[in-house]
Amino acid sequence: MNTYDYVIGIILVLGVIILVHEWGHFIVARMFGVRVDVFSIGFGPRLFGIKRGDTDYRVSALPLGGYIRMAGQDMTDIDSGEKPPTGAPDELMSKKRWQRALISFAGPAVNLIFPVFLLAGYALIRGQAVPKYVDQPLTVSEVPKDSPAAKIGLQAGDRITSLNGVANPTWGTWLEKGAPDRVFQLTFSHDGQKQSGEVSTAGINDPTQVFGDPPGHTLVDDITDKEKPAYRAGMRRGDIIETINDQPIPSPQRMIAAVQKNGGAPAQVVVRRGSQLLNFTLTPVQGKNERGETTWQLGISVAPEYSFRKVGFSEAVTSSVEKTAEGTVQVIQIVGQLLTGKLAVKQLQSVVGIASAAGHAVQEGTYAVVALMAALSINLGILNLLPIPILDGGHILLLSLEGIRRRDFSLAFKERFIQVGLVFLLVLIVYVMYNDVMRMIPLHS
């Protein structure tokens, strides 16, 4: 990958997300009359910047985060500087605890709101991203044995020409209407002849169980885990999986099903790379999926294929809110799986992995960059609300406990509180970064 892709990706993705986070803290601090001395993207020595009013807006040497330094911060804060509070009215420690808590909360809150504006804005300018198959004709890809479709004579390759009176339905039509416990009147073309029948979805929760999986390529998005068979065998990003054990793989869902059916036995995988067909023998290994379930895996992530359709303001906002809410729930579930041990910490990504993902996103196009920015913003918002010392959630926890006690903790206690959080985060960052680097080092055998 071109080095410029990494640099552009980091600036567009990580830089903007950190900027948004710190802007949340900054705007609420100013709203409560707190003087902000430094607004920094990155930590460590100042590289360059500009001073406006009381604030030095700077870019610092270590791109591992960012911070704002408010006048009169608690001296136990990692970014407090060397000037202790003087009691001036524009200092942070002169403000009430609930105001200081809101300032801490504002950064994560803006991170959780930002994806709504980002995704809605992109949808209004470029269009709403939808899977490519949504607008393709509803053609049967598979007919499960003894299914409602099989009983009326449907076969793979048949084209549905009418669905409950809707002429020439698409896959999007079916996925919108294919709710459980409904009866559908069909007209379909089989070997050039029109036939009709009735299909009931009673007891069927998955619409793909009626006509099979939607069409599409199984395009390899990323192969980074050197411990997985795809990496070891030499598969690459951009390969298209054609068959597994001589069975066609027309969709990512079919690939997942084929790998699970194969179990731990060696699988014969044929991929298309440009104009070439390549054969690989891959032996799946067991691992945890995003839901913490143990599954058979090849070590492949599949790239979704999108098309874009024009939408109005209302639809763009509604869709972006739904996607942001779904992403928030997913991150919360992942945090829960980490805490319960269902998901390994080594599967997390550090700034190294994020930089790689950002570089790939730049190669794929603007929507990939926007989607990654939205996902990272949600992650940053949720993770910063965890009650871990040094994070915003830790500050809120400490302020809440002081509010309950109606007096501040001692400086020594708060220093120890912050030190514990700092050591924990540094160990975690080093461990995750080590795993990221090891995944990227080519394997020689």
Protein backbone atom coordinates (compact mmCIF):
# COMPACT_ATOMS: atom_id res chain seq x y z
CA MET A 1 0.00 0.00 0.00
CA ASN A 2 1.21 3.52 -0.80
CA THR A 3 2.60 5.38 2.23
CA TYR A 4 0.51 8.39 1.27
CA ASP A 5 -2.63 6.29 1.77
CA TYR A 6 -1.63 5.70 5.39
CA VAL A 7 -0.87 9.37 5.98
CA ILE A 8 -4.05 10.62 4.33
CA GLY A 9 -6.06 7.95 6.12
CA ILE A 10 -4.69 8.88 9.55
CA ILE A 11 -5.35 12.58 8.95
CA LEU A 12 -8.87 12.03 7.60
CA VAL A 13 -9.93 9.37 10.06
CA LEU A 14 -8.02 9.56 13.34
CA GLY A 15 -7.26 13.28 13.17
CA VAL A 16 -10.84 14.32 12.52
CA ILE A 17 -12.29 11.99 15.18
CA ILE A 18 -9.89 13.31 17.83
CA LEU A 19 -10.60 16.88 16.73
CA VAL A 20 -14.34 16.28 17.15
CA HIS A 21 -13.83 14.71 20.58
CA GLU A 22 -11.71 17.55 21.91
CA TRP A 23 -14.04 20.13 20.35
CA GLY A 24 -16.83 18.66 22.50
CA HIS A 25 -14.82 19.27 25.67
CA PHE A 26 -13.75 22.69 24.41
CA ILE A 27 -17.19 24.04 23.51
CA VAL A 28 -18.80 23.02 26.82
CA ALA A 29 -15.83 24.33 28.81
CA ARG A 30 -16.19 27.69 27.09
CA MET A 31 -19.96 27.59 27.63
CA PHE A 32 -19.32 27.40 31.38
CA GLY A 33 -16.72 30.19 31.19
CA VAL A 34 -13.62 28.03 31.60
CA ARG A 35 -10.47 29.41 29.99
CA VAL A 36 -8.79 26.92 27.64
CA ASP A 37 -5.02 27.35 27.36
CA VAL A 38 -4.20 24.50 24.92
CA PHE A 39 -6.17 22.61 22.27
CA SER A 40 -3.87 19.83 21.05
CA ILE A 41 -4.16 17.09 18.44
CA GLY A 42 -1.60 14.55 19.66
CA PHE A 43 0.57 14.48 22.76
CA GLY A 44 4.16 15.45 23.50
CA PRO A 45 6.22 18.30 22.00
CA ARG A 46 4.41 20.97 20.00
CA LEU A 47 5.07 20.70 16.26
CA PHE A 48 3.15 23.70 14.99
CA GLY A 49 -0.02 25.66 15.66
CA ILE A 50 -1.58 29.05 16.09
CA LYS A 51 -2.67 31.05 19.12
CA ARG A 52 -6.07 32.72 19.08
CA GLY A 53 -7.15 34.59 22.18
CA ASP A 54 -6.23 32.57 25.27
CA THR A 55 -5.94 29.27 23.40
CA ASP A 56 -2.93 27.70 21.71
CA TYR A 57 -4.29 25.45 18.94
CA ARG A 58 -1.49 23.00 18.22
CA VAL A 59 -0.50 19.73 16.59
CA SER A 60 1.84 17.66 18.77
CA ALA A 61 4.37 14.96 17.98
CA LEU A 62 2.64 11.77 19.19
CA PRO A 63 -0.56 11.07 17.19
CA LEU A 64 -2.06 8.81 19.88
CA GLY A 65 -4.92 11.05 20.92
CA GLY A 66 -5.38 14.65 21.90
CA TYR A 67 -6.33 16.90 24.78
CA ILE A 68 -7.40 20.34 25.86
CA ARG A 69 -5.65 21.98 28.81
CA MET A 70 -8.05 24.11 30.79
CA ALA A 71 -6.95 26.81 33.19
CA GLY A 72 -6.74 25.60 36.78
CA GLN A 73 -7.14 21.90 36.00
CA ASP A 74 -6.79 19.43 38.83
CA MET A 75 -3.04 18.82 39.17
CA THR A 76 -3.62 15.06 39.12
CA ASP A 77 -4.83 15.23 35.50
CA ILE A 78 -2.31 13.85 33.03
CA ASP A 79 -2.55 16.96 30.82
CA SER A 80 -2.87 19.58 33.59
CA GLY A 81 0.45 21.35 32.98
CA GLU A 82 2.51 22.87 35.76
CA LYS A 83 0.31 25.72 36.96
CA PRO A 84 -1.81 24.85 40.03
CA PRO A 85 -5.33 26.29 40.40
CA THR A 86 -5.39 29.80 41.81
CA GLY A 87 -9.13 30.02 42.48
CA ALA A 88 -9.80 32.44 39.60
CA PRO A 89 -13.42 32.30 38.38
CA ASP A 90 -12.41 31.19 34.84
CA GLU A 91 -10.55 28.11 36.11
CA LEU A 92 -11.93 24.58 35.88
CA MET A 93 -11.63 23.79 39.59
CA SER A 94 -13.66 26.90 40.39
CA LYS A 95 -16.68 25.40 38.64
CA LYS A 96 -19.28 23.14 40.24
CA ARG A 97 -18.82 19.38 40.05
CA TRP A 98 -21.81 18.86 37.75
CA GLN A 99 -20.34 21.41 35.32
CA ARG A 100 -16.97 19.66 35.37
CA ALA A 101 -18.75 16.32 34.81
CA LEU A 102 -20.60 17.74 31.80
CA ILE A 103 -17.32 19.01 30.36
CA SER A 104 -15.89 15.47 30.65
CA PHE A 105 -19.06 13.97 29.18
CA ALA A 106 -19.16 16.38 26.22
CA GLY A 107 -16.27 14.77 24.30
CA PRO A 108 -17.76 11.26 24.16
CA ALA A 109 -21.24 12.72 23.59
CA VAL A 110 -20.10 14.60 20.50
CA ASN A 111 -18.39 11.44 19.24
CA LEU A 112 -21.72 9.62 19.47
CA ILE A 113 -23.59 12.44 17.71
CA PHE A 114 -21.00 13.10 15.00
CA PRO A 115 -21.77 9.93 12.93
CA VAL A 116 -25.37 11.07 12.51
CA PHE A 117 -24.26 14.30 10.83
CA LEU A 118 -21.45 12.58 8.92
CA LEU A 119 -23.58 9.77 7.46
CA ALA A 120 -26.60 12.01 6.80
CA GLY A 121 -24.43 14.59 5.05
CA TYR A 122 -22.80 11.96 2.88
CA ALA A 123 -26.18 10.47 1.98
CA LEU A 124 -27.49 13.88 0.91
CA ILE A 125 -24.40 14.69 -1.18
CA ARG A 126 -23.47 11.31 -2.68
CA GLY A 127 -26.52 9.18 -1.99
CA GLN A 128 -27.66 6.51 0.47
CA ALA A 129 -25.37 3.46 0.40
CA VAL A 130 -27.32 0.26 -0.23
CA PRO A 131 -26.07 -3.26 -1.07
CA LYS A 132 -25.69 -3.65 -4.84
CA TYR A 133 -28.05 -6.62 -4.93
CA VAL A 134 -30.98 -4.52 -3.67
CA ASP A 135 -31.79 -3.24 -7.17
CA GLN A 136 -31.12 -6.53 -8.96
CA PRO A 137 -34.01 -8.71 -10.25
CA LEU A 138 -35.38 -11.26 -7.77
CA THR A 139 -33.90 -14.46 -9.19
CA VAL A 140 -33.88 -17.64 -7.13
CA SER A 141 -30.34 -18.55 -6.08
CA GLU A 142 -31.13 -21.66 -4.03
CA VAL A 143 -34.21 -23.65 -3.10
CA PRO A 144 -33.85 -25.49 0.21
CA LYS A 145 -35.28 -29.00 0.19
CA ASP A 146 -38.89 -29.22 1.42
CA SER A 147 -39.10 -25.41 1.55
CA PRO A 148 -42.29 -23.52 0.56
CA ALA A 149 -40.59 -22.53 -2.70
CA ALA A 150 -39.67 -26.11 -3.55
CA LYS A 151 -43.26 -27.24 -3.08
CA ILE A 152 -44.52 -25.00 -5.91
CA GLY A 153 -41.73 -26.08 -8.27
CA LEU A 154 -39.31 -23.17 -7.97
CA GLN A 155 -35.72 -23.96 -8.94
CA ALA A 156 -32.44 -22.10 -8.82
CA GLY A 157 -32.27 -19.63 -11.71
CA ASP A 158 -36.02 -18.98 -11.90
CA ARG A 159 -36.97 -15.30 -12.20
CA ILE A 160 -39.83 -13.96 -10.05
CA THR A 161 -41.91 -11.77 -12.37
CA SER A 162 -44.63 -10.79 -9.88
CA LEU A 163 -44.74 -10.69 -6.08
CA ASN A 164 -48.16 -9.94 -4.57
CA GLY A 165 -49.01 -7.81 -7.58
CA VAL A 166 -45.63 -6.02 -7.77
CA ALA A 167 -44.30 -6.53 -11.28
CA ASN A 168 -40.63 -7.39 -11.79
CA PRO A 169 -39.69 -7.29 -8.08
CA THR A 170 -36.08 -6.80 -7.02
CA TRP A 171 -34.22 -8.32 -4.10
CA GLY A 172 -34.90 -5.07 -2.28
CA THR A 173 -38.65 -5.58 -2.82
CA TRP A 174 -38.45 -9.06 -1.33
CA LEU A 175 -36.29 -8.13 1.65
CA GLU A 176 -38.69 -5.29 2.48
CA LYS A 177 -41.82 -7.42 2.16
CA GLY A 178 -40.46 -10.80 3.23
CA ALA A 179 -41.67 -10.64 6.83
CA PRO A 180 -42.52 -13.85 8.71
CA ASP A 181 -46.03 -15.28 8.73
CA ARG A 182 -47.12 -13.86 5.39
CA VAL A 183 -48.53 -15.45 2.24
CA PHE A 184 -47.17 -14.38 -1.17
CA GLN A 185 -48.74 -14.88 -4.57
CA LEU A 186 -45.96 -15.47 -7.10
CA THR A 187 -45.60 -15.52 -10.84
CA PHE A 188 -42.26 -16.83 -12.04
CA SER A 189 -40.47 -17.76 -15.22
CA HIS A 190 -39.18 -21.35 -15.40
CA ASP A 191 -37.44 -22.52 -18.59
CA GLY A 192 -39.13 -19.71 -20.48
CA GLN A 193 -42.62 -20.62 -19.26
CA LYS A 194 -44.69 -18.59 -16.83
CA GLN A 195 -45.93 -20.40 -13.74
CA SER A 196 -47.63 -19.26 -10.55
CA GLY A 197 -47.99 -20.40 -7.00
CA GLU A 198 -48.34 -19.42 -3.38
CA VAL A 199 -45.55 -19.27 -0.79
CA SER A 200 -46.08 -18.95 2.95
CA THR A 201 -43.33 -17.67 5.22
CA ALA A 202 -45.00 -19.01 8.37
CA GLY A 203 -42.29 -20.03 10.82
CA ILE A 204 -39.52 -18.60 8.61
CA ASN A 205 -37.65 -15.70 10.21
CA ASP A 206 -34.93 -15.38 7.57
CA PRO A 207 -36.16 -14.22 4.12
CA THR A 208 -33.10 -15.85 2.48
CA GLN A 209 -34.54 -19.28 3.39
CA VAL A 210 -37.22 -18.82 0.72
CA PHE A 211 -35.30 -17.83 -2.43
CA GLY A 212 -31.72 -18.27 -1.24
CA ASP A 213 -29.00 -15.68 -0.68
CA PRO A 214 -28.93 -12.35 -2.54
CA PRO A 215 -26.45 -12.28 -5.46
CA GLY A 216 -23.01 -10.76 -5.22
CA HIS A 217 -19.30 -11.48 -5.32
CA THR A 218 -17.46 -12.84 -2.31
CA LEU A 219 -14.73 -10.22 -2.46
CA VAL A 220 -11.88 -10.57 0.03
CA ASP A 221 -11.53 -7.32 1.95
CA ASP A 222 -8.65 -8.01 4.30
CA ILE A 223 -6.29 -10.80 5.35
CA THR A 224 -4.09 -9.64 8.21
CA ASP A 225 -3.99 -12.45 10.79
CA LYS A 226 -0.87 -14.49 10.06
CA GLU A 227 -2.15 -17.29 12.32
CA LYS A 228 -5.11 -17.98 10.02
CA PRO A 229 -4.96 -20.31 7.00
CA ALA A 230 -5.80 -17.69 4.33
CA TYR A 231 -2.74 -15.63 5.26
CA ARG A 232 -0.47 -18.68 5.36
CA ALA A 233 -1.69 -19.88 1.97
CA GLY A 234 -1.02 -16.54 0.27
CA MET A 235 -4.51 -15.24 -0.43
CA ARG A 236 -4.72 -11.47 -1.03
CA ARG A 237 -7.02 -8.55 -0.60
CA GLY A 238 -9.17 -8.25 -3.76
CA ASP A 239 -9.37 -12.00 -4.46
CA ILE A 240 -12.86 -13.22 -5.40
CA ILE A 241 -13.82 -16.59 -3.93
CA GLU A 242 -15.38 -18.69 -6.70
CA THR A 243 -15.84 -22.13 -5.13
CA ILE A 244 -15.26 -24.06 -1.89
CA ASN A 245 -15.05 -27.83 -2.32
CA ASP A 246 -16.41 -27.41 -5.89
CA GLN A 247 -19.53 -25.63 -4.59
CA PRO A 248 -20.15 -22.16 -6.13
CA ILE A 249 -19.86 -19.27 -3.68
CA PRO A 250 -22.14 -16.53 -5.08
CA SER A 251 -22.43 -14.62 -1.81
CA PRO A 252 -20.61 -14.02 1.50
CA GLN A 253 -23.43 -15.84 3.32
CA ARG A 254 -22.77 -18.96 1.21
CA MET A 255 -19.06 -18.78 2.05
CA ILE A 256 -19.78 -18.70 5.78
CA ALA A 257 -22.19 -21.64 5.47
CA ALA A 258 -19.70 -23.65 3.38
CA VAL A 259 -16.86 -23.11 5.87
CA GLN A 260 -19.05 -24.13 8.82
CA LYS A 261 -20.27 -27.23 6.94
CA ASN A 262 -16.69 -28.18 6.08
CA GLY A 263 -15.64 -28.04 9.74
CA GLY A 264 -11.96 -28.61 10.44
CA ALA A 265 -11.25 -30.66 7.31
CA PRO A 266 -9.02 -29.26 4.53
CA ALA A 267 -11.11 -27.23 2.08
CA GLN A 268 -10.35 -26.74 -1.61
CA VAL A 269 -10.81 -23.04 -2.34
CA VAL A 270 -10.70 -21.54 -5.84
CA VAL A 271 -10.28 -17.76 -6.12
CA ARG A 272 -10.18 -15.37 -9.05
CA ARG A 273 -7.29 -12.91 -9.01
CA GLY A 274 -7.61 -10.66 -12.02
CA SER A 275 -7.86 -13.04 -14.98
CA GLN A 276 -6.32 -15.98 -13.11
CA LEU A 277 -7.99 -18.82 -11.21
CA LEU A 278 -5.91 -19.94 -8.23
CA ASN A 279 -6.35 -23.06 -6.10
CA PHE A 280 -5.72 -23.12 -2.35
CA THR A 281 -6.03 -25.86 0.24
CA LEU A 282 -7.12 -24.23 3.50
CA THR A 283 -7.74 -25.99 6.80
CA PRO A 284 -10.17 -23.88 8.87
CA VAL A 285 -9.31 -23.13 12.50
CA GLN A 286 -11.65 -22.34 15.35
CA GLY A 287 -12.00 -18.78 16.58
CA LYS A 288 -14.49 -16.32 18.05
CA ASN A 289 -16.74 -14.24 15.80
CA GLU A 290 -17.97 -10.71 16.58
CA ARG A 291 -20.72 -12.18 18.79
CA GLY A 292 -18.22 -14.19 20.83
CA GLU A 293 -19.36 -17.50 19.31
CA THR A 294 -16.86 -20.23 18.42
CA THR A 295 -16.86 -20.83 14.66
CA TRP A 296 -14.65 -22.32 11.95
CA GLN A 297 -12.63 -19.58 10.25
CA LEU A 298 -10.32 -19.07 7.28
CA GLY A 299 -9.15 -15.63 8.40
CA ILE A 300 -10.98 -13.66 5.71
CA SER A 301 -13.10 -10.54 5.96
CA VAL A 302 -15.41 -9.88 3.04
CA ALA A 303 -15.88 -6.47 1.41
CA PRO A 304 -19.50 -5.36 0.97
CA GLU A 305 -20.43 -3.98 -2.44
CA TYR A 306 -22.55 -0.84 -2.49
CA SER A 307 -24.48 1.31 -4.89
CA PHE A 308 -25.85 4.77 -4.06
CA ARG A 309 -29.36 6.14 -4.41
CA LYS A 310 -30.59 9.69 -3.95
CA VAL A 311 -32.61 10.30 -0.77
CA GLY A 312 -34.35 13.22 0.87
CA PHE A 313 -33.38 14.95 4.10
CA SER A 314 -35.78 12.97 6.31
CA GLU A 315 -34.68 9.57 4.99
CA ALA A 316 -31.00 10.50 5.23
CA VAL A 317 -31.31 11.57 8.88
CA THR A 318 -33.47 8.59 9.85
CA SER A 319 -31.05 6.13 8.26
CA SER A 320 -28.00 7.75 9.86
CA VAL A 321 -29.64 7.69 13.30
CA GLU A 322 -30.47 3.99 12.86
CA LYS A 323 -26.93 3.13 11.74
CA THR A 324 -25.41 5.10 14.62
CA ALA A 325 -27.70 3.38 17.11
CA GLU A 326 -26.85 -0.05 15.69
CA GLY A 327 -23.14 0.74 15.85
CA THR A 328 -23.46 1.94 19.45
CA VAL A 329 -25.22 -1.26 20.50
CA GLN A 330 -22.56 -3.37 18.76
CA VAL A 331 -19.71 -1.58 20.57
CA ILE A 332 -21.48 -1.97 23.92
CA GLN A 333 -21.92 -5.69 23.20
CA ILE A 334 -18.22 -6.02 22.32
CA VAL A 335 -17.23 -4.30 25.56
CA GLY A 336 -19.47 -6.74 27.42
CA GLN A 337 -17.82 -9.68 25.64
CA LEU A 338 -14.37 -8.38 26.55
CA LEU A 339 -15.35 -8.06 30.20
CA THR A 340 -16.84 -11.58 30.28
CA GLY A 341 -13.95 -13.15 28.38
CA LYS A 342 -16.03 -14.11 25.34
CA LEU A 343 -13.80 -11.92 23.17
CA ALA A 344 -10.00 -11.87 23.42
CA VAL A 345 -8.21 -8.56 23.99
CA LYS A 346 -5.71 -9.51 21.25
CA GLN A 347 -8.49 -8.98 18.69
CA LEU A 348 -8.56 -5.25 19.45
CA GLN A 349 -6.70 -2.78 17.22
CA SER A 350 -4.27 -0.04 18.22
CA VAL A 351 -3.32 3.06 16.26
CA VAL A 352 -1.22 0.76 14.04
CA GLY A 353 -4.22 -1.32 13.02
CA ILE A 354 -6.38 1.78 12.68
CA ALA A 355 -3.77 3.39 10.41
CA SER A 356 -3.79 0.28 8.22
CA ALA A 357 -7.60 0.25 8.08
CA ALA A 358 -7.60 3.97 7.24
CA GLY A 359 -5.12 3.41 4.42
CA HIS A 360 -7.28 0.63 2.98
CA ALA A 361 -10.35 2.85 3.29
CA VAL A 362 -8.63 5.60 1.28
CA GLN A 363 -7.95 3.05 -1.46
CA GLU A 364 -11.56 1.88 -1.50
CA GLY A 365 -13.11 5.34 -1.75
CA THR A 366 -14.98 8.04 0.11
CA TYR A 367 -17.75 5.87 1.52
CA ALA A 368 -15.26 3.47 3.11
CA VAL A 369 -13.52 6.45 4.74
CA VAL A 370 -16.81 7.90 5.99
CA ALA A 371 -17.98 4.52 7.33
CA LEU A 372 -14.67 3.99 9.16
CA MET A 373 -14.81 7.50 10.65
CA ALA A 374 -18.35 6.86 11.90
CA ALA A 375 -17.36 3.50 13.43
CA LEU A 376 -14.25 4.90 15.14
CA SER A 377 -16.17 7.90 16.46
CA ILE A 378 -18.70 5.57 18.11
CA ASN A 379 -15.90 3.42 19.51
CA LEU A 380 -14.09 6.44 20.93
CA GLY A 381 -17.30 7.77 22.47
CA ILE A 382 -18.24 4.52 24.21
CA LEU A 383 -14.73 3.59 25.35
CA ASN A 384 -14.11 7.04 26.83
CA LEU A 385 -17.23 6.66 28.97
CA LEU A 386 -15.86 3.54 30.67
CA PRO A 387 -15.19 4.22 34.38
CA ILE A 388 -11.44 3.83 33.97
CA PRO A 389 -9.12 6.37 35.64
CA ILE A 390 -7.64 8.87 33.14
CA LEU A 391 -10.56 8.41 30.71
CA ASP A 392 -13.56 10.76 30.71
CA GLY A 393 -15.65 8.08 32.38
CA GLY A 394 -13.08 7.88 35.17
CA HIS A 395 -13.30 11.64 35.72
CA ILE A 396 -17.09 11.45 35.85
CA LEU A 397 -16.90 8.55 38.33
CA LEU A 398 -14.50 10.46 40.58
CA LEU A 399 -16.64 13.61 40.48
CA SER A 400 -19.75 11.55 41.24
CA LEU A 401 -18.10 9.93 44.27
CA GLU A 402 -16.93 13.34 45.49
CA GLY A 403 -20.47 14.63 45.06
CA ILE A 404 -21.81 11.78 47.20
CA ARG A 405 -19.14 12.47 49.86
CA ARG A 406 -19.70 16.24 49.52
CA ARG A 407 -15.97 16.82 49.68
CA ASP A 408 -12.96 16.22 47.47
CA PHE A 409 -10.66 13.25 47.75
CA SER A 410 -7.11 13.97 48.85
CA LEU A 411 -4.52 14.87 46.23
CA ALA A 412 -2.59 11.68 47.07
CA PHE A 413 -5.68 9.51 46.46
CA LYS A 414 -6.44 11.16 43.12
CA GLU A 415 -2.83 10.82 42.02
CA ARG A 416 -2.90 7.11 42.80
CA PHE A 417 -6.29 6.80 41.06
CA ILE A 418 -4.88 8.38 37.88
CA GLN A 419 -1.64 6.37 38.07
CA VAL A 420 -3.55 3.08 38.18
CA GLY A 421 -5.54 4.07 35.10
CA LEU A 422 -2.44 5.30 33.27
CA VAL A 423 -0.51 2.07 33.90
CA PHE A 424 -3.53 -0.02 32.86
CA LEU A 425 -3.97 1.88 29.60
CA LEU A 426 -0.26 1.88 28.75
CA VAL A 427 -0.03 -1.88 29.25
CA LEU A 428 -3.17 -2.39 27.17
CA ILE A 429 -1.92 -0.09 24.38
CA VAL A 430 1.48 -1.82 24.24
CA TYR A 431 -0.13 -5.28 24.18
CA VAL A 432 -2.65 -4.39 21.46
CA MET A 433 0.00 -2.57 19.41
CA TYR A 434 2.31 -5.58 19.67
CA ASN A 435 -0.43 -7.84 18.30
CA ASP A 436 -1.11 -5.35 15.48
CA VAL A 437 2.56 -5.28 14.47
CA MET A 438 2.89 -9.07 14.67
CA ARG A 439 -0.16 -9.48 12.42
CA MET A 440 1.53 -7.28 9.81
CA ILE A 441 4.95 -8.93 9.82
CA PRO A 442 5.19 -11.33 6.86
CA LEU A 443 5.32 -14.98 7.92
CA HIS A 444 8.29 -16.97 6.65
CA SER A 445 8.20 -20.73 6.81
